Amino acid sequence: MERSDMSFPTLTPDDVPLQFAEEGGEATGPHSPGLSSPTLPPWKILVVDDDEEVLALTRLVLRGFSFEGRPMELFSARSGAEARVLVGRHPDAAIMLLDVVMETESAGLEVVRYIRDELKNAFIRIILRTGQPGHAPENTVLVEYDVNDYKEKSSLSKQNLITSILSALRSYRDLRALENTRRGLQKIIDASADLFEPNSLRALASGILTQLAAILGLESTGGVHSRTSSLAFTRRRGEMLVYAGSGRFEGAVGRPLRAVVSEALLARIEQGVASRKALFFESNYFGYFRSATGIENFLFMEGVQPLGALERDLLEIFSANIAFAFDRLFLTREILDTQRDVTFTLGEVIEVRSQEAGNHVRRVASYSRLLGAGCGLSDSETDLLFMASPLHDLGKIGIPDNILNKPGKLDEIELQVMQGHATIGYNILRRSSRSILKAGAIIAHQHHERWDGGGYPQGIRGEEIHLFARIIAITDVFDALVSNRCYRKAWEPERALALIEGEKGRHFDPGIVAVFFANLDDILEIRESLKD
């Protein structure tokens, strides 16, 4: 093992062009611009060496030193085994100063393999330090191990250590900035690919905030803990509402802006809103984006460092992309909202023609979305079910009025004509390539099939029936039973529920019946809120 006689050589004033403060003071050298910003966390440095004198000297050299306004925080270990624990506790460490020979001749090299291969940590900069280079020749180590620097202790002066630390920190900072940019781009890509998701606006805003953090030179969530906070909010009916946040604003989603910021900060933000342009004030950034549909969106970040001309140009270009992204998102949502309104209007027209309950299609849609979520459908699938469900009885448009609105029981021929509405609805919708109409075609065709195979028009059974149609089968029957019809009065809910329970495994999918009763309180609340 390496012993304390492998200490640093004697230093002279010429070796140390930087000045270092005493314990608790401030560094004043060219790389340490005054006080460290209280909003930025320290750089974490892990020092691994079995020589206590080397550990003490490293602490002494780095005392009071800071880089880009952030101080150093040192953590030490005295063996390879301790180093593994230490790096596990601090995955956001920027640098590891690592001895090679400790409890074994290759303990340090084994730690390198552990960090890179097992922990998959490619960010931490590893500087090997050895007093016995013969055990680990420099050329061999640099070729075979993913380390970033190699130093012999016999030639390691204070200035050399400082130079290595600065170089490693710059490398670590740039890698993190690249990772933040990659993560932000991925979030924006994911948001663009999932526009059917109800939280797509939130996902897009989250990606934009991450991208802005990278462009503005801030650390974001992920590798390094950040005290930077940000908000995305929009104006709705005169109120500014938060739909994405990070840092201290992470829990602000869905709340009014005035409830999550101070009065002084709100006043500054309102100035930005009134100006309708991007602003920098103090250490804050405010961005304004107006979509082509007239919807206004705002971004706010605090903890921003002063920007140069290049960063401002990048920000201006990126802001144009943000505006385009918002436009595209809201246009897509507008199309979806239009499709939803059309399907609900069609469903309601059919209900009016058949003299049935005015809010029947809205209740069935709401019940179905609830049951879809309970059956494990994704948010996009439950939204699709919600928007397509009003088309379940579209085929009734082809049923004659004398049959559709007959107050008494249908005879056998009339019943066959009525049952034809399932096929009529399917034929109307089946040629469409639109996801909502394709789902509507399946629902219209299969919602009168039975779990036991005794339904119509195909007589299919069990899971041959699409899940959407199996859900509609229950929600449609329940709402029809508890609503007035031209041929009978509404049933009491208890009687309808008893029928659904009794038809479990015959008419209805037993699993969906279980989900129905598990959500019964919410179903009854929907029924009450959407009365005819």
Protein backbone atom coordinates (compact mmCIF):
# COMPACT_ATOMS: atom_id res chain seq x y z
CA MET A 1 0.00 0.00 0.00
CA GLU A 2 1.02 3.62 -0.51
CA ARG A 3 2.32 5.34 2.58
CA SER A 4 2.48 8.93 3.79
CA ASP A 5 6.00 9.42 2.41
CA MET A 6 4.33 9.84 -1.03
CA SER A 7 3.21 13.39 -0.14
CA PHE A 8 3.10 16.51 -2.27
CA PRO A 9 6.45 18.21 -3.02
CA THR A 10 7.27 21.50 -1.37
CA LEU A 11 5.38 24.39 -2.95
CA THR A 12 6.78 27.81 -3.71
CA PRO A 13 4.87 31.04 -4.42
CA ASP A 14 5.64 30.60 -8.14
CA ASP A 15 3.86 27.26 -8.09
CA VAL A 16 0.63 28.89 -6.88
CA PRO A 17 -0.63 31.80 -9.02
CA LEU A 18 -4.11 31.45 -7.46
CA GLN A 19 -4.88 32.72 -3.98
CA PHE A 20 -6.92 30.76 -1.49
CA ALA A 21 -8.89 32.00 1.47
CA GLU A 22 -8.58 30.72 4.99
CA GLU A 23 -11.21 28.36 6.40
CA GLY A 24 -14.63 29.96 5.99
CA GLY A 25 -13.35 32.80 3.79
CA GLU A 26 -13.78 33.60 0.13
CA ALA A 27 -11.42 32.69 -2.69
CA THR A 28 -10.22 35.76 -4.57
CA GLY A 29 -8.22 34.28 -7.47
CA PRO A 30 -9.14 34.68 -11.12
CA HIS A 31 -11.22 31.50 -11.12
CA SER A 32 -13.14 32.39 -7.98
CA PRO A 33 -15.23 35.48 -8.64
CA GLY A 34 -16.22 36.63 -5.19
CA LEU A 35 -19.02 35.14 -3.15
CA SER A 36 -20.55 31.86 -4.27
CA SER A 37 -24.15 32.15 -5.36
CA PRO A 38 -26.46 30.89 -2.61
CA THR A 39 -28.77 29.48 -5.29
CA LEU A 40 -26.20 27.03 -6.68
CA PRO A 41 -25.12 23.79 -4.97
CA PRO A 42 -21.43 23.00 -4.45
CA TRP A 43 -19.38 20.82 -6.76
CA LYS A 44 -19.02 17.41 -5.12
CA ILE A 45 -15.51 15.93 -5.15
CA LEU A 46 -14.80 12.40 -3.88
CA VAL A 47 -11.28 11.81 -2.56
CA VAL A 48 -10.30 8.13 -2.23
CA ASP A 49 -6.90 7.36 -0.69
CA ASP A 50 -5.62 5.17 2.15
CA ASP A 51 -3.03 7.80 3.11
CA GLU A 52 -4.48 10.23 5.64
CA GLU A 53 -1.79 12.79 4.86
CA VAL A 54 -2.81 12.84 1.18
CA LEU A 55 -6.44 13.33 2.19
CA ALA A 56 -5.49 16.20 4.52
CA LEU A 57 -3.32 17.88 1.87
CA THR A 58 -6.09 17.64 -0.73
CA ARG A 59 -8.53 19.28 1.67
CA LEU A 60 -5.98 22.01 2.40
CA VAL A 61 -5.35 22.74 -1.30
CA LEU A 62 -9.06 23.00 -2.14
CA ARG A 63 -10.10 24.93 0.96
CA GLY A 64 -12.11 28.02 0.02
CA PHE A 65 -11.77 27.33 -3.71
CA SER A 66 -14.77 27.82 -6.01
CA PHE A 67 -15.48 27.50 -9.72
CA GLU A 68 -18.13 29.53 -11.56
CA GLY A 69 -19.43 30.82 -8.25
CA ARG A 70 -19.89 27.36 -6.74
CA PRO A 71 -17.73 26.08 -3.85
CA MET A 72 -16.25 22.60 -3.48
CA GLU A 73 -17.65 19.95 -1.14
CA LEU A 74 -15.26 17.08 -0.39
CA PHE A 75 -16.14 13.53 0.67
CA SER A 76 -13.44 10.98 1.46
CA ALA A 77 -12.95 7.22 1.55
CA ARG A 78 -9.91 5.12 2.46
CA SER A 79 -10.44 1.92 0.47
CA GLY A 80 -11.97 0.60 -2.72
CA ALA A 81 -14.87 -0.89 -0.76
CA GLU A 82 -15.60 2.48 0.90
CA ALA A 83 -15.31 4.19 -2.49
CA ARG A 84 -18.10 2.01 -3.91
CA VAL A 85 -20.40 3.02 -1.07
CA LEU A 86 -19.41 6.68 -1.41
CA VAL A 87 -20.10 6.95 -5.14
CA GLY A 88 -23.42 5.18 -4.61
CA ARG A 89 -24.43 7.82 -2.08
CA HIS A 90 -23.29 10.68 -4.33
CA PRO A 91 -24.15 9.77 -7.95
CA ASP A 92 -24.06 13.50 -8.76
CA ALA A 93 -20.38 13.88 -7.80
CA ALA A 94 -18.38 15.78 -10.40
CA ILE A 95 -14.88 14.39 -9.74
CA MET A 96 -13.24 11.41 -8.05
CA LEU A 97 -9.55 11.70 -7.05
CA LEU A 98 -8.73 8.00 -6.85
CA ASP A 99 -5.69 6.20 -5.47
CA VAL A 100 -4.71 3.04 -7.33
CA VAL A 101 -3.05 0.88 -4.68
CA MET A 102 -5.06 0.57 -1.47
CA GLU A 103 -6.28 -2.68 0.14
CA THR A 104 -5.07 -4.43 -3.05
CA GLU A 105 -2.69 -3.43 -5.82
CA SER A 106 -5.62 -2.85 -8.20
CA ALA A 107 -8.30 -1.60 -5.79
CA GLY A 108 -8.60 1.76 -7.54
CA LEU A 109 -8.85 0.22 -11.01
CA GLU A 110 -11.61 -2.09 -9.77
CA VAL A 111 -13.49 0.98 -8.55
CA VAL A 112 -13.21 2.47 -12.05
CA ARG A 113 -14.75 -0.68 -13.56
CA TYR A 114 -17.52 -0.60 -10.95
CA ILE A 115 -18.40 3.05 -11.68
CA ARG A 116 -18.38 2.76 -15.46
CA ASP A 117 -19.66 -0.79 -16.01
CA GLU A 118 -22.01 -1.48 -13.10
CA LEU A 119 -23.26 1.96 -12.09
CA LYS A 120 -23.20 3.14 -15.73
CA ASN A 121 -22.01 6.52 -14.48
CA ALA A 122 -20.28 8.14 -17.45
CA PHE A 123 -20.41 11.67 -16.02
CA ILE A 124 -18.08 11.64 -13.02
CA ARG A 125 -14.53 12.64 -14.00
CA ILE A 126 -12.00 10.15 -12.57
CA ILE A 127 -8.45 11.34 -11.87
CA LEU A 128 -6.12 8.49 -10.89
CA ARG A 129 -3.34 9.32 -8.44
CA THR A 130 -0.59 6.84 -7.68
CA GLY A 131 2.67 6.76 -5.78
CA GLN A 132 3.62 3.45 -7.35
CA PRO A 133 3.28 3.86 -11.13
CA GLY A 134 4.94 0.52 -11.72
CA HIS A 135 1.81 -1.24 -10.48
CA ALA A 136 -0.34 0.60 -13.02
CA PRO A 137 1.65 2.03 -15.95
CA GLU A 138 0.07 5.17 -17.39
CA ASN A 139 -0.25 3.99 -21.01
CA THR A 140 -1.85 0.69 -19.98
CA VAL A 141 -4.31 2.35 -17.61
CA LEU A 142 -5.39 5.06 -20.05
CA VAL A 143 -6.00 2.49 -22.81
CA GLU A 144 -7.79 -0.16 -20.74
CA TYR A 145 -9.73 1.95 -18.21
CA ASP A 146 -12.17 4.82 -18.70
CA VAL A 147 -10.33 7.42 -16.64
CA ASN A 148 -9.94 11.09 -17.44
CA ASP A 149 -6.50 11.86 -16.04
CA TYR A 150 -3.47 10.10 -14.53
CA LYS A 151 -1.12 11.72 -12.03
CA GLU A 152 1.95 10.50 -10.20
CA LYS A 153 1.98 11.81 -6.66
CA SER A 154 5.70 12.54 -6.82
CA SER A 155 5.09 15.21 -9.46
CA LEU A 156 1.73 16.48 -8.26
CA SER A 157 2.03 20.09 -7.12
CA LYS A 158 -0.72 22.28 -5.85
CA GLN A 159 -0.91 24.06 -9.20
CA ASN A 160 -1.11 20.77 -11.08
CA LEU A 161 -3.94 19.61 -8.85
CA ILE A 162 -5.84 22.86 -9.35
CA THR A 163 -5.35 22.62 -13.12
CA SER A 164 -6.63 19.03 -13.16
CA ILE A 165 -9.64 19.96 -11.03
CA LEU A 166 -10.55 22.93 -13.27
CA SER A 167 -10.22 20.88 -16.44
CA ALA A 168 -12.33 18.07 -14.98
CA LEU A 169 -15.03 20.47 -13.75
CA ARG A 170 -15.32 22.11 -17.17
CA SER A 171 -15.62 18.69 -18.78
CA TYR A 172 -18.24 17.58 -16.24
CA ARG A 173 -20.20 20.82 -16.67
CA ASP A 174 -20.27 20.46 -20.46
CA LEU A 175 -21.34 16.79 -20.28
CA ARG A 176 -24.18 17.71 -17.96
CA ALA A 177 -25.27 20.54 -20.26
CA LEU A 178 -25.35 18.10 -23.19
CA GLU A 179 -27.34 15.60 -21.12
CA ASN A 180 -29.83 18.30 -20.08
CA THR A 181 -30.26 19.25 -23.73
CA ARG A 182 -30.77 15.60 -24.73
CA ARG A 183 -33.30 15.08 -21.93
CA GLY A 184 -35.20 18.22 -22.87
CA LEU A 185 -35.33 17.24 -26.54
CA GLN A 186 -36.55 13.76 -25.61
CA LYS A 187 -39.35 15.22 -23.49
CA ILE A 188 -40.42 17.49 -26.35
CA ILE A 189 -40.32 14.52 -28.77
CA ASP A 190 -42.37 12.44 -26.33
CA ALA A 191 -44.89 15.26 -25.95
CA SER A 192 -45.21 15.59 -29.72
CA ALA A 193 -45.76 11.83 -30.08
CA ASP A 194 -48.41 11.68 -27.37
CA LEU A 195 -50.75 14.54 -28.23
CA PHE A 196 -53.78 12.36 -27.40
CA GLU A 197 -52.60 12.37 -23.78
CA PRO A 198 -54.47 14.92 -21.65
CA ASN A 199 -51.21 16.03 -20.01
CA SER A 200 -49.35 16.56 -23.30
CA LEU A 201 -49.25 20.32 -22.69
CA ARG A 202 -47.64 19.67 -19.32
CA ALA A 203 -45.10 17.27 -20.86
CA LEU A 204 -44.26 19.76 -23.60
CA ALA A 205 -43.84 22.57 -21.07
CA SER A 206 -41.62 20.38 -18.87
CA GLY A 207 -39.36 19.68 -21.85
CA ILE A 208 -39.22 23.35 -22.75
CA LEU A 209 -38.23 24.28 -19.20
CA THR A 210 -35.43 21.70 -19.27
CA GLN A 211 -34.21 23.01 -22.62
CA LEU A 212 -34.24 26.57 -21.35
CA ALA A 213 -32.22 25.52 -18.30
CA ALA A 214 -29.56 24.08 -20.60
CA ILE A 215 -29.50 27.13 -22.88
CA LEU A 216 -29.30 29.51 -19.93
CA GLY A 217 -26.42 27.52 -18.42
CA LEU A 218 -28.34 26.14 -15.47
CA GLU A 219 -28.19 22.64 -14.03
CA SER A 220 -31.50 20.83 -14.38
CA THR A 221 -33.11 17.88 -12.67
CA GLY A 222 -31.43 14.53 -13.07
CA GLY A 223 -27.73 14.28 -12.36
CA VAL A 224 -27.14 17.36 -10.25
CA HIS A 225 -29.52 18.68 -7.64
CA SER A 226 -30.63 22.14 -8.67
CA ARG A 227 -32.19 24.95 -6.70
CA THR A 228 -33.32 26.64 -9.89
CA SER A 229 -37.10 26.91 -10.08
CA SER A 230 -39.33 27.45 -13.09
CA LEU A 231 -42.98 27.82 -14.06
CA ALA A 232 -45.12 27.45 -17.17
CA PHE A 233 -48.55 29.08 -16.98
CA THR A 234 -51.34 30.28 -19.19
CA ARG A 235 -54.23 32.74 -18.99
CA ARG A 236 -57.72 31.27 -18.80
CA ARG A 237 -60.79 33.47 -18.32
CA GLY A 238 -58.70 36.26 -16.88
CA GLU A 239 -56.85 33.99 -14.41
CA MET A 240 -53.22 32.86 -14.82
CA LEU A 241 -52.99 29.11 -14.08
CA VAL A 242 -49.84 27.00 -13.65
CA TYR A 243 -49.56 23.83 -15.76
CA ALA A 244 -45.88 22.89 -15.23
CA GLY A 245 -43.28 23.64 -12.59
CA SER A 246 -39.92 22.60 -11.21
CA GLY A 247 -37.89 23.26 -8.07
CA ARG A 248 -39.89 25.09 -5.44
CA PHE A 249 -42.80 25.36 -7.91
CA GLU A 250 -43.09 21.62 -8.51
CA GLY A 251 -46.30 21.34 -6.48
CA ALA A 252 -47.92 24.39 -8.09
CA VAL A 253 -49.51 22.61 -11.08
CA GLY A 254 -53.20 23.47 -11.42
CA ARG A 255 -53.05 26.41 -9.00
CA PRO A 256 -53.47 30.13 -9.75
CA LEU A 257 -50.16 31.93 -10.24
CA ARG A 258 -51.04 34.49 -7.56
CA ALA A 259 -51.23 31.65 -5.01
CA VAL A 260 -47.67 30.38 -5.61
CA VAL A 261 -45.49 33.50 -5.98
CA SER A 262 -44.92 36.53 -3.77
CA GLU A 263 -46.71 39.80 -4.43
CA ALA A 264 -43.44 41.45 -5.50
CA LEU A 265 -42.61 38.68 -7.95
CA LEU A 266 -46.19 38.62 -9.22
CA ALA A 267 -45.93 42.34 -9.95
CA ARG A 268 -42.77 41.80 -12.01
CA ILE A 269 -44.37 38.91 -13.90
CA GLU A 270 -47.46 41.02 -14.60
CA GLN A 271 -45.16 43.65 -16.10
CA GLY A 272 -43.85 40.97 -18.44
CA VAL A 273 -47.38 39.85 -19.30
CA ALA A 274 -48.33 43.43 -20.11
CA SER A 275 -45.22 43.96 -22.26
CA ARG A 276 -45.87 40.75 -24.27
CA LYS A 277 -42.16 40.08 -24.82
CA ALA A 278 -39.28 38.14 -23.26
CA LEU A 279 -37.63 39.89 -20.32
CA PHE A 280 -34.63 39.44 -18.03
CA PHE A 281 -34.79 41.04 -14.61
CA GLU A 282 -32.40 40.48 -11.72
CA SER A 283 -31.64 36.72 -11.91
CA ASN A 284 -34.96 35.84 -13.58
CA TYR A 285 -36.15 35.12 -17.11
CA PHE A 286 -39.71 35.68 -18.38
CA GLY A 287 -40.90 34.37 -21.75
CA TYR A 288 -44.14 35.28 -23.59
CA PHE A 289 -45.65 33.09 -26.32
CA ARG A 290 -48.94 33.67 -28.12
CA SER A 291 -50.37 30.86 -30.28
CA ALA A 292 -52.05 31.41 -33.64
CA THR A 293 -55.37 30.65 -31.93
CA GLY A 294 -54.83 33.54 -29.51
CA ILE A 295 -53.90 31.45 -26.44
CA GLU A 296 -51.18 33.10 -24.35
CA ASN A 297 -48.50 31.01 -22.61
CA PHE A 298 -45.81 32.23 -20.25
CA LEU A 299 -42.56 30.80 -18.89
CA PHE A 300 -40.70 31.98 -15.81
CA MET A 301 -37.29 30.88 -14.48
CA GLU A 302 -35.36 32.12 -11.48
CA GLY A 303 -31.65 31.66 -10.77
CA VAL A 304 -30.54 32.70 -14.26
CA GLN A 305 -26.93 33.80 -14.71
CA PRO A 306 -26.01 36.82 -16.90
CA LEU A 307 -26.10 35.86 -20.59
CA GLY A 308 -23.72 36.74 -23.39
CA ALA A 309 -24.70 37.67 -26.95
CA LEU A 310 -24.45 34.05 -28.15
CA GLU A 311 -26.75 32.73 -25.42
CA ARG A 312 -29.29 35.46 -26.14
CA ASP A 313 -29.25 34.62 -29.85
CA LEU A 314 -29.77 30.93 -29.06
CA LEU A 315 -32.59 31.84 -26.72
CA GLU A 316 -34.28 33.98 -29.39
CA ILE A 317 -34.10 31.11 -31.92
CA PHE A 318 -35.37 28.62 -29.37
CA SER A 319 -38.21 30.96 -28.42
CA ALA A 320 -39.42 30.88 -32.02
CA ASN A 321 -39.45 27.08 -31.82
CA ILE A 322 -41.39 27.25 -28.54
CA ALA A 323 -44.05 29.41 -30.18
CA PHE A 324 -44.30 26.93 -33.06
CA ALA A 325 -44.56 24.00 -30.65
CA PHE A 326 -47.40 25.67 -28.73
CA ASP A 327 -49.19 26.50 -32.00
CA ARG A 328 -48.95 22.93 -33.20
CA LEU A 329 -50.08 21.53 -29.90
CA PHE A 330 -53.13 23.78 -29.59
CA LEU A 331 -54.06 23.20 -33.22
CA THR A 332 -54.04 19.44 -32.60
CA ARG A 333 -56.12 19.86 -29.46
CA GLU A 334 -58.54 22.06 -31.44
CA ILE A 335 -58.95 19.28 -34.01
CA LEU A 336 -59.57 16.72 -31.27
CA ASP A 337 -62.06 18.98 -29.54
CA THR A 338 -63.89 19.48 -32.84
CA GLN A 339 -64.04 15.74 -33.45
CA ARG A 340 -65.35 15.21 -29.94
CA ASP A 341 -68.05 17.86 -30.40
CA VAL A 342 -69.11 16.27 -33.70
CA THR A 343 -69.42 12.78 -32.20
CA PHE A 344 -71.38 14.04 -29.21
CA THR A 345 -73.67 16.09 -31.43
CA LEU A 346 -74.34 13.08 -33.67
CA GLY A 347 -75.08 10.94 -30.63
CA GLU A 348 -77.44 13.53 -29.19
CA VAL A 349 -79.27 13.91 -32.53
CA ILE A 350 -79.97 10.17 -32.53
CA GLU A 351 -81.18 10.32 -28.92
CA VAL A 352 -83.55 13.20 -29.74
CA ARG A 353 -84.94 11.34 -32.75
CA SER A 354 -85.59 8.27 -30.67
CA GLN A 355 -87.18 10.42 -27.93
CA GLU A 356 -84.68 9.20 -25.35
CA ALA A 357 -82.75 10.88 -22.56
CA GLY A 358 -80.97 14.05 -23.67
CA ASN A 359 -77.78 13.47 -21.70
CA HIS A 360 -77.64 9.71 -22.26
CA VAL A 361 -74.60 9.84 -24.56
CA ARG A 362 -72.67 12.14 -22.19
CA ARG A 363 -73.33 9.90 -19.22
CA VAL A 364 -72.39 6.75 -21.12
CA ALA A 365 -69.19 8.46 -22.29
CA SER A 366 -68.26 9.51 -18.75
CA TYR A 367 -69.09 6.08 -17.27
CA SER A 368 -67.03 4.42 -19.99
CA ARG A 369 -63.94 6.56 -19.46
CA LEU A 370 -64.10 5.75 -15.76
CA LEU A 371 -64.40 2.00 -16.40
CA GLY A 372 -61.71 2.12 -19.09
CA ALA A 373 -59.23 3.53 -16.59
CA GLY A 374 -60.30 0.86 -14.09
CA CYS A 375 -59.65 -1.82 -16.71
CA GLY A 376 -56.07 -0.60 -17.19
CA LEU A 377 -56.45 1.39 -20.40
CA SER A 378 -53.94 4.20 -20.98
CA ASP A 379 -55.02 7.84 -20.84
CA SER A 380 -55.02 8.05 -24.65
CA GLU A 381 -57.19 4.91 -24.90
CA THR A 382 -59.68 6.13 -22.31
CA ASP A 383 -59.89 9.47 -24.16
CA LEU A 384 -60.52 7.62 -27.42
CA LEU A 385 -63.24 5.52 -25.77
CA PHE A 386 -64.81 8.68 -24.32
CA MET A 387 -64.93 10.42 -27.71
CA ALA A 388 -66.10 7.38 -29.71
CA SER A 389 -68.76 6.09 -27.30
CA PRO A 390 -71.50 8.59 -28.40
CA LEU A 391 -71.53 6.78 -31.76
CA HIS A 392 -72.73 3.48 -30.27
CA ASP A 393 -76.33 3.93 -31.52
CA LEU A 394 -75.53 5.84 -34.74
CA GLY A 395 -77.21 3.07 -36.76
CA LYS A 396 -80.60 4.04 -35.36
CA ILE A 397 -80.57 6.75 -38.01
CA GLY A 398 -81.65 4.00 -40.44
CA ILE A 399 -84.49 2.61 -38.29
CA PRO A 400 -88.05 3.75 -39.21
CA ASP A 401 -89.78 6.04 -36.70
CA ASN A 402 -92.71 3.68 -36.18
CA ILE A 403 -90.31 1.03 -34.88
CA LEU A 404 -87.82 3.32 -33.18
CA ASN A 405 -90.50 5.11 -31.13
CA LYS A 406 -93.07 2.33 -30.70
CA PRO A 407 -94.39 2.60 -27.12
CA GLY A 408 -95.15 -1.12 -26.81
CA LYS A 409 -93.23 -4.34 -27.24
CA LEU A 410 -91.72 -4.99 -30.68
CA ASP A 411 -92.88 -8.03 -32.62
CA GLU A 412 -90.36 -10.48 -34.09
CA ILE A 413 -90.02 -8.71 -37.44
CA GLU A 414 -89.75 -5.28 -35.81
CA LEU A 415 -87.13 -6.63 -33.42
CA GLN A 416 -85.01 -7.87 -36.33
CA VAL A 417 -85.24 -4.45 -37.96
CA MET A 418 -84.23 -2.74 -34.70
CA GLN A 419 -81.29 -5.07 -34.21
CA GLY A 420 -80.07 -4.05 -37.65
CA HIS A 421 -78.95 -0.69 -36.21
CA ALA A 422 -75.69 -2.31 -35.05
CA THR A 423 -74.74 -3.22 -38.62
CA ILE A 424 -75.99 0.08 -40.06
CA GLY A 425 -73.84 2.07 -37.67
CA TYR A 426 -70.82 -0.10 -38.44
CA ASN A 427 -71.26 0.31 -42.20
CA ILE A 428 -71.52 4.09 -41.88
CA LEU A 429 -68.25 4.35 -39.93
CA ARG A 430 -66.09 1.43 -41.01
CA ARG A 431 -64.47 3.05 -44.06
CA SER A 432 -62.98 5.93 -42.07
CA SER A 433 -59.25 5.95 -41.29
CA ARG A 434 -59.78 8.34 -38.33
CA SER A 435 -59.11 6.70 -34.98
CA ILE A 436 -62.27 8.07 -33.36
CA LEU A 437 -64.55 6.88 -36.16
CA LYS A 438 -62.77 3.51 -36.38
CA ALA A 439 -63.34 3.01 -32.65
CA GLY A 440 -66.94 4.17 -33.11
CA ALA A 441 -67.46 1.53 -35.84
CA ILE A 442 -66.28 -1.25 -33.51
CA ILE A 443 -68.47 -0.01 -30.64
CA ALA A 444 -71.55 0.40 -32.87
CA HIS A 445 -71.10 -3.11 -34.27
CA GLN A 446 -70.33 -5.01 -31.04
CA HIS A 447 -72.01 -3.27 -28.10
CA HIS A 448 -75.02 -5.63 -28.26
CA GLU A 449 -72.88 -8.78 -28.26
CA ARG A 450 -73.04 -10.89 -25.09
CA TRP A 451 -70.26 -12.44 -23.04
CA ASP A 452 -71.90 -15.87 -23.46
CA GLY A 453 -72.22 -15.51 -27.25
CA GLY A 454 -75.98 -14.94 -27.29
CA GLY A 455 -75.87 -11.36 -28.59
CA TYR A 456 -76.11 -9.81 -32.06
CA PRO A 457 -75.28 -9.24 -34.90
CA GLN A 458 -72.27 -11.63 -35.01
CA GLY A 459 -72.85 -13.86 -32.01
CA ILE A 460 -69.22 -13.55 -30.86
CA ARG A 461 -68.35 -14.26 -27.24
CA GLY A 462 -65.90 -13.47 -24.41
CA GLU A 463 -62.76 -11.62 -25.34
CA GLU A 464 -63.60 -11.89 -29.03
CA ILE A 465 -65.69 -8.82 -28.26
CA HIS A 466 -63.56 -5.66 -28.22
CA LEU A 467 -62.96 -4.26 -24.73
CA PHE A 468 -64.50 -0.91 -25.76
CA ALA A 469 -67.74 -2.67 -26.75
CA ARG A 470 -67.79 -4.77 -23.56
CA ILE A 471 -67.54 -1.59 -21.49
CA ILE A 472 -70.27 0.18 -23.49
CA ALA A 473 -72.52 -2.89 -23.13
CA ILE A 474 -72.67 -2.32 -19.35
CA THR A 475 -72.76 1.47 -19.29
CA ASP A 476 -75.40 1.69 -22.04
CA VAL A 477 -77.71 -0.87 -20.38
CA PHE A 478 -77.34 0.69 -16.93
CA ASP A 479 -78.13 4.21 -18.12
CA ALA A 480 -81.02 3.03 -20.31
CA LEU A 481 -82.57 1.13 -17.40
CA VAL A 482 -82.46 4.08 -15.00
CA SER A 483 -83.80 6.54 -17.62
CA ASN A 484 -87.31 6.99 -19.02
CA ARG A 485 -87.99 5.43 -22.41
CA CYS A 486 -90.98 5.64 -24.74
CA TYR A 487 -91.80 2.01 -23.95
CA ARG A 488 -91.30 2.07 -20.14
CA LYS A 489 -90.60 4.17 -17.05
CA ALA A 490 -87.15 4.43 -15.49
CA TRP A 491 -86.12 1.70 -13.05
CA GLU A 492 -84.87 2.41 -9.57
CA PRO A 493 -81.04 2.17 -9.49
CA GLU A 494 -81.14 -0.78 -7.09
CA ARG A 495 -83.20 -2.83 -9.56
CA ALA A 496 -80.83 -1.98 -12.43
CA LEU A 497 -77.78 -2.87 -10.34
CA ALA A 498 -79.34 -6.20 -9.40
CA LEU A 499 -79.86 -6.99 -13.10
CA ILE A 500 -76.23 -6.16 -13.93
CA GLU A 501 -75.01 -8.39 -11.09
CA GLY A 502 -77.33 -11.17 -12.23
CA GLU A 503 -76.12 -10.97 -15.83
CA LYS A 504 -72.44 -11.22 -14.84
CA GLY A 505 -70.85 -13.96 -16.92
CA ARG A 506 -73.86 -14.16 -19.24
CA HIS A 507 -74.56 -10.77 -20.79
CA PHE A 508 -71.61 -8.90 -19.27
CA ASP A 509 -67.87 -9.45 -18.85
CA PRO A 510 -67.44 -10.46 -15.16
CA GLY A 511 -64.22 -8.47 -14.83
CA ILE A 512 -65.84 -5.27 -16.05
CA VAL A 513 -68.83 -5.85 -13.77
CA ALA A 514 -66.37 -5.95 -10.86
CA VAL A 515 -64.81 -2.66 -12.01
CA PHE A 516 -68.31 -1.18 -12.39
CA PHE A 517 -69.26 -1.92 -8.79
CA ALA A 518 -65.83 -0.84 -7.51
CA ASN A 519 -66.53 2.59 -9.06
CA LEU A 520 -70.24 2.70 -8.27
CA ASP A 521 -70.08 5.86 -6.14
CA ASP A 522 -68.40 7.77 -8.97
CA ILE A 523 -70.91 6.37 -11.49
CA LEU A 524 -73.87 7.51 -9.40
CA GLU A 525 -72.24 10.91 -8.98
CA ILE A 526 -71.87 11.24 -12.77
CA ARG A 527 -75.54 10.26 -13.20
CA GLU A 528 -76.57 12.93 -10.69
CA SER A 529 -74.41 15.65 -12.29
CA LEU A 530 -75.68 14.95 -15.83
CA LYS A 531 -79.40 14.68 -15.23
CA ASP A 532 -81.73 15.05 -18.23
